[in-house]
Amino acid sequence: MKPRISLLTLAVDDLERALRFYRDGLGLPTEGIVGADIEHGAVVFFELEGGLRLALFPRASLARDAGLPLAARAGGPRLSLAHNVASKAEVDAVMAQAAAAGGALVKPAQATFWGGYAGYFQDPDGHLWEVAWNPAWPVPA
């Protein structure tokens, strides 16, 4: 397997709500919901930098597609997505944008033990996002 990920899919409870959070709240570009005319096919895609795509797929549809039972969410975080930015001020701005869009601030942005600055929020489905400025990891222009 080549070390490449081309698509990240988040299972969501309410596709319309998740679309509003990511498109309207966070400003990610999308064509909106596609595949709604296909049973269990409704999905939202966002084009990210570097050729990566983010998908939102109803939780029940993802379970069905994967052949797994639909189980209740339980336990602590199993995954976090990270959004690295170019400055501490940009961390604060993205955190404020997420909160204004309806995200839950989990950990306010603050200095980190590794010399950066970061905070965490959750989207309306509980997916954990880290927003970070890392002085050793420049962000492409």
Protein backbone atom coordinates (compact mmCIF):
# COMPACT_ATOMS: atom_id res chain seq x y z
CA MET A 1 0.00 0.00 0.00
CA LYS A 2 1.31 3.43 -0.86
CA PRO A 3 1.34 5.99 1.98
CA ARG A 4 -1.55 8.06 0.67
CA ILE A 5 -5.03 8.94 1.88
CA SER A 6 -7.37 10.44 -0.69
CA LEU A 7 -10.67 10.61 1.20
CA LEU A 8 -11.68 10.98 4.84
CA THR A 9 -15.32 10.09 5.52
CA LEU A 10 -17.09 11.25 8.66
CA ALA A 11 -20.21 9.37 9.73
CA VAL A 12 -22.90 11.89 10.67
CA ASP A 13 -26.31 11.64 12.32
CA ASP A 14 -27.92 14.49 10.36
CA LEU A 15 -26.49 15.15 6.89
CA GLU A 16 -28.19 18.56 6.46
CA ARG A 17 -26.93 19.77 9.86
CA ALA A 18 -23.40 18.55 9.12
CA LEU A 19 -23.48 20.22 5.69
CA ARG A 20 -24.50 23.54 7.27
CA PHE A 21 -21.70 23.29 9.87
CA TYR A 22 -18.91 22.59 7.39
CA ARG A 23 -20.15 24.65 4.42
CA ASP A 24 -21.92 27.61 6.04
CA GLY A 25 -20.10 27.68 9.35
CA LEU A 26 -16.54 26.76 8.42
CA GLY A 27 -16.71 27.90 4.81
CA LEU A 28 -15.56 24.68 3.13
CA PRO A 29 -16.46 24.60 -0.58
CA THR A 30 -18.90 21.93 -1.77
CA GLU A 31 -21.56 21.20 -4.34
CA GLY A 32 -23.83 20.17 -1.46
CA ILE A 33 -25.59 16.86 -1.09
CA VAL A 34 -25.16 14.54 -4.05
CA GLY A 35 -26.61 11.08 -4.59
CA ALA A 36 -29.83 11.81 -2.71
CA ASP A 37 -31.77 10.13 -5.53
CA ILE A 38 -30.03 6.81 -4.74
CA GLU A 39 -31.12 4.76 -1.74
CA HIS A 40 -28.40 5.12 0.94
CA GLY A 41 -26.40 7.24 -1.53
CA ALA A 42 -26.68 10.78 -0.14
CA VAL A 43 -23.22 12.17 0.58
CA VAL A 44 -21.40 15.51 0.74
CA PHE A 45 -17.86 16.02 -0.59
CA PHE A 46 -15.48 18.89 0.18
CA GLU A 47 -12.35 19.53 -1.87
CA LEU A 48 -9.39 20.08 0.45
CA GLU A 49 -5.87 21.20 -0.38
CA GLY A 50 -3.38 18.68 -1.72
CA GLY A 51 -6.04 16.62 -3.50
CA LEU A 52 -7.59 15.33 -0.29
CA ARG A 53 -11.38 15.17 0.01
CA LEU A 54 -13.57 15.15 3.10
CA ALA A 55 -16.90 13.32 2.89
CA LEU A 56 -19.94 13.42 5.14
CA PHE A 57 -22.03 10.24 4.99
CA PRO A 58 -25.03 9.33 7.15
CA ARG A 59 -23.97 6.98 9.94
CA ALA A 60 -26.60 4.37 8.98
CA SER A 61 -25.53 4.48 5.33
CA LEU A 62 -21.86 4.03 6.21
CA ALA A 63 -22.64 1.06 8.48
CA ARG A 64 -24.76 -0.49 5.72
CA ASP A 65 -22.08 0.15 3.08
CA ALA A 66 -19.37 -1.42 5.24
CA GLY A 67 -21.58 -4.36 6.23
CA LEU A 68 -21.39 -3.51 9.92
CA PRO A 69 -24.19 -3.24 12.47
CA LEU A 70 -25.29 0.27 13.37
CA ALA A 71 -24.00 0.67 16.92
CA ALA A 72 -24.45 3.44 19.43
CA ARG A 73 -21.49 5.78 19.83
CA ALA A 74 -19.62 5.06 23.03
CA GLY A 75 -16.34 5.71 24.72
CA GLY A 76 -13.82 8.48 24.34
CA PRO A 77 -12.28 9.90 21.20
CA ARG A 78 -10.95 7.42 18.67
CA LEU A 79 -9.71 9.91 16.09
CA SER A 80 -8.95 13.58 15.74
CA LEU A 81 -8.57 15.60 12.57
CA ALA A 82 -6.00 18.36 12.62
CA HIS A 83 -6.06 21.70 10.86
CA ASN A 84 -2.67 23.39 11.02
CA VAL A 85 -2.53 27.15 10.50
CA ALA A 86 0.18 29.79 10.12
CA SER A 87 -0.19 31.70 13.41
CA LYS A 88 -1.60 31.77 16.92
CA ALA A 89 -4.09 34.42 15.80
CA GLU A 90 -5.32 32.10 13.06
CA VAL A 91 -5.85 29.33 15.63
CA ASP A 92 -8.04 31.71 17.64
CA ALA A 93 -9.94 32.80 14.52
CA VAL A 94 -10.71 29.22 13.42
CA MET A 95 -11.77 28.24 16.93
CA ALA A 96 -14.13 31.23 17.05
CA GLN A 97 -15.48 30.33 13.61
CA ALA A 98 -16.16 26.75 14.72
CA ALA A 99 -17.96 27.93 17.87
CA ALA A 100 -20.06 30.43 15.90
CA ALA A 101 -21.01 27.63 13.49
CA GLY A 102 -22.33 25.49 16.34
CA GLY A 103 -19.23 23.50 17.21
CA ALA A 104 -18.45 22.71 20.84
CA LEU A 105 -15.16 24.08 22.16
CA VAL A 106 -13.55 21.17 23.98
CA LYS A 107 -10.22 22.73 24.93
CA PRO A 108 -9.52 26.44 24.48
CA ALA A 109 -6.51 27.34 22.38
CA GLN A 110 -3.39 27.59 24.52
CA ALA A 111 0.36 27.10 24.51
CA THR A 112 1.30 23.45 24.09
CA PHE A 113 3.98 21.34 25.73
CA TRP A 114 5.70 20.98 22.32
CA GLY A 115 6.11 24.75 21.77
CA GLY A 116 3.08 25.43 19.62
CA TYR A 117 -0.42 26.74 20.21
CA ALA A 118 -3.57 24.63 19.82
CA GLY A 119 -7.14 24.00 20.83
CA TYR A 120 -9.86 21.40 20.18
CA PHE A 121 -13.47 21.59 19.08
CA GLN A 122 -16.12 19.03 18.16
CA ASP A 123 -18.48 19.26 15.21
CA PRO A 124 -22.22 18.66 15.80
CA ASP A 125 -21.67 14.88 15.46
CA GLY A 126 -18.88 14.84 18.05
CA HIS A 127 -15.94 14.53 15.63
CA LEU A 128 -12.87 15.97 17.30
CA TRP A 129 -10.80 18.62 15.50
CA GLU A 130 -7.49 20.09 16.63
CA VAL A 131 -6.59 23.56 15.36
CA ALA A 132 -2.86 24.09 15.76
CA TRP A 133 0.03 26.40 15.03
CA ASN A 134 3.33 24.53 15.03
CA PRO A 135 6.42 26.75 14.67
CA ALA A 136 8.40 23.77 13.32
CA TRP A 137 5.82 22.88 10.68
CA PRO A 138 5.32 25.67 8.14
CA VAL A 139 1.94 25.78 6.42
CA PRO A 140 2.03 25.97 2.60
CA ALA A 141 0.88 29.33 1.22
